[in-house]
Amino acid sequence: MKRHWFTLICPILLSGCLGINPTSSPKDSFTVPVSFQEVFARAQAQAKECWSADGEFPVKSSIDQASGSARVWVTGVLGSTHYAQVDIRSLGERNTEVVATVMGVNMWSRASLSALHEVMQFGVPTCSSYMPRAVPR
């Protein structure tokens, strides 16, 4: 019985220790020639498809039409830890700034940022990047 209790409580305790670290988590900032509303919809679709683990990690979002800003994020069971976050800001009718940050572990990795970038450009949710990239030296 003790082991079963530990198995249930350990992930809850660890969820407070993990999450996005503002100084060391992988981050990608870019602008896409896509409307603010469409980028928001694409970010939500991507988070549900690739970052939520079939609902195990809830996807949340907020939008402020007046300021042209929005956020989509993925949390742990308790909701206080962010594992992935996409901040969206309108730069006009057809341009949107995207700043995506991920925890850096599991499905919230640097590779997932590449996939997200492609989704924002092309509009098809995918959990893997298929575009060739320059290899860093």
Protein backbone atom coordinates (compact mmCIF):
# COMPACT_ATOMS: atom_id res chain seq x y z
CA MET A 1 0.00 0.00 0.00
CA LYS A 2 2.82 2.43 0.79
CA ARG A 3 4.37 1.94 -2.63
CA HIS A 4 1.05 2.64 -4.36
CA TRP A 5 0.66 5.88 -2.38
CA PHE A 6 4.20 6.98 -3.31
CA THR A 7 3.51 6.27 -7.01
CA LEU A 8 0.49 8.56 -6.91
CA ILE A 9 1.99 11.39 -4.88
CA CYS A 10 5.49 11.56 -6.46
CA PRO A 11 4.40 13.06 -9.83
CA ILE A 12 2.33 15.66 -8.01
CA LEU A 13 5.28 16.70 -5.86
CA LEU A 14 7.66 16.76 -8.82
CA SER A 15 5.30 18.85 -10.93
CA GLY A 16 6.07 21.81 -8.69
CA CYS A 17 9.81 21.41 -9.35
CA LEU A 18 9.65 21.14 -13.12
CA GLY A 19 8.37 23.45 -15.79
CA ILE A 20 9.54 26.40 -17.80
CA ASN A 21 12.66 28.08 -16.47
CA PRO A 22 12.89 31.67 -17.79
CA THR A 23 16.69 31.54 -17.97
CA SER A 24 17.38 28.07 -19.39
CA SER A 25 14.29 26.72 -21.18
CA PRO A 26 14.38 26.43 -24.99
CA LYS A 27 12.71 29.41 -26.66
CA ASP A 28 11.89 30.49 -30.21
CA SER A 29 10.72 33.94 -31.35
CA PHE A 30 9.55 34.64 -34.88
CA THR A 31 7.04 36.55 -36.99
CA VAL A 32 4.64 34.91 -39.44
CA PRO A 33 2.57 36.51 -42.23
CA VAL A 34 -0.64 35.07 -40.75
CA SER A 35 -3.51 36.82 -38.96
CA PHE A 36 -3.54 36.95 -35.17
CA GLN A 37 -6.78 34.92 -34.91
CA GLU A 38 -5.42 32.19 -37.18
CA VAL A 39 -2.14 31.95 -35.25
CA PHE A 40 -4.12 31.63 -32.01
CA ALA A 41 -6.22 28.80 -33.50
CA ARG A 42 -3.09 27.05 -34.82
CA ALA A 43 -1.34 27.30 -31.44
CA GLN A 44 -4.33 25.75 -29.68
CA ALA A 45 -4.54 22.92 -32.23
CA GLN A 46 -0.80 22.24 -31.96
CA ALA A 47 -0.85 22.19 -28.15
CA LYS A 48 -3.79 19.75 -28.10
CA GLU A 49 -2.27 17.54 -30.77
CA CYS A 50 1.32 17.37 -29.55
CA TRP A 51 1.73 18.67 -26.00
CA SER A 52 -1.27 17.47 -24.04
CA ALA A 53 -0.63 13.69 -24.12
CA ASP A 54 -4.29 12.91 -24.88
CA GLY A 55 -5.52 15.30 -22.22
CA GLU A 56 -3.12 14.24 -19.48
CA PHE A 57 -1.66 17.75 -19.54
CA PRO A 58 -4.44 20.35 -19.85
CA VAL A 59 -4.22 22.99 -22.57
CA LYS A 60 -5.33 26.45 -21.46
CA SER A 61 -5.60 29.70 -23.36
CA SER A 62 -6.47 33.36 -22.98
CA ILE A 63 -7.04 36.04 -25.57
CA ASP A 64 -7.32 39.82 -25.32
CA GLN A 65 -8.83 41.11 -28.53
CA ALA A 66 -8.41 44.76 -27.52
CA SER A 67 -4.63 44.51 -27.15
CA GLY A 68 -4.16 41.87 -29.86
CA SER A 69 -2.42 39.44 -27.54
CA ALA A 70 -3.02 35.86 -26.55
CA ARG A 71 -1.39 32.97 -24.73
CA VAL A 72 -1.72 29.21 -25.06
CA TRP A 73 -0.07 27.02 -22.43
CA VAL A 74 0.12 23.46 -21.19
CA THR A 75 0.00 22.75 -17.47
CA GLY A 76 0.44 19.87 -15.10
CA VAL A 77 -2.38 18.21 -13.20
CA LEU A 78 -2.43 20.92 -10.54
CA GLY A 79 -2.36 23.69 -13.14
CA SER A 80 0.41 25.79 -11.60
CA THR A 81 3.35 24.51 -13.67
CA HIS A 82 3.73 25.51 -17.33
CA TYR A 83 5.45 22.91 -19.52
CA ALA A 84 4.99 24.81 -22.78
CA GLN A 85 3.76 28.30 -23.55
CA VAL A 86 3.04 30.26 -26.73
CA ASP A 87 2.69 34.05 -26.49
CA ILE A 88 1.05 35.67 -29.49
CA ARG A 89 0.94 39.36 -30.44
CA SER A 90 -0.72 41.00 -33.43
CA LEU A 91 1.57 43.17 -35.57
CA GLY A 92 -1.21 44.25 -37.89
CA GLU A 93 -3.81 42.61 -40.07
CA ARG A 94 -1.58 39.91 -41.56
CA ASN A 95 1.50 39.68 -39.32
CA THR A 96 1.83 38.06 -35.93
CA GLU A 97 4.70 37.72 -33.48
CA VAL A 98 5.08 34.35 -31.77
CA VAL A 99 7.25 33.61 -28.73
CA ALA A 100 7.24 29.94 -27.75
CA THR A 101 8.95 28.49 -24.68
CA VAL A 102 9.12 24.84 -23.64
CA MET A 103 10.42 23.02 -20.60
CA GLY A 104 13.11 21.19 -22.60
CA VAL A 105 12.17 17.62 -21.64
CA ASN A 106 10.04 14.91 -23.24
CA MET A 107 7.50 16.26 -25.78
CA TRP A 108 8.29 19.82 -24.69
CA SER A 109 11.70 19.89 -26.38
CA ARG A 110 13.65 22.08 -28.78
CA ALA A 111 12.45 19.80 -31.61
CA SER A 112 8.86 20.62 -30.70
CA LEU A 113 9.67 24.31 -31.18
CA SER A 114 10.74 23.59 -34.76
CA ALA A 115 7.49 21.77 -35.40
CA LEU A 116 5.49 24.63 -33.87
CA HIS A 117 7.27 27.13 -36.10
CA GLU A 118 6.21 25.13 -39.18
CA VAL A 119 2.64 24.86 -37.93
CA MET A 120 2.44 28.62 -37.50
CA GLN A 121 3.65 29.08 -41.10
CA PHE A 122 1.75 26.32 -42.89
CA GLY A 123 -1.28 25.63 -40.69
CA VAL A 124 -1.09 21.84 -40.39
CA PRO A 125 -0.54 20.50 -36.84
CA THR A 126 2.47 18.19 -36.72
CA CYS A 127 4.53 16.97 -33.80
CA SER A 128 7.71 16.62 -35.89
CA SER A 129 9.60 19.08 -38.05
CA TYR A 130 9.97 18.02 -41.67
CA MET A 131 11.82 21.05 -43.00
CA PRO A 132 15.59 20.84 -43.54
CA ARG A 133 17.58 22.97 -41.13
CA ALA A 134 21.15 24.18 -41.14
CA VAL A 135 23.28 22.15 -38.76
CA PRO A 136 24.81 24.37 -36.05
CA ARG A 137 28.60 24.34 -35.98
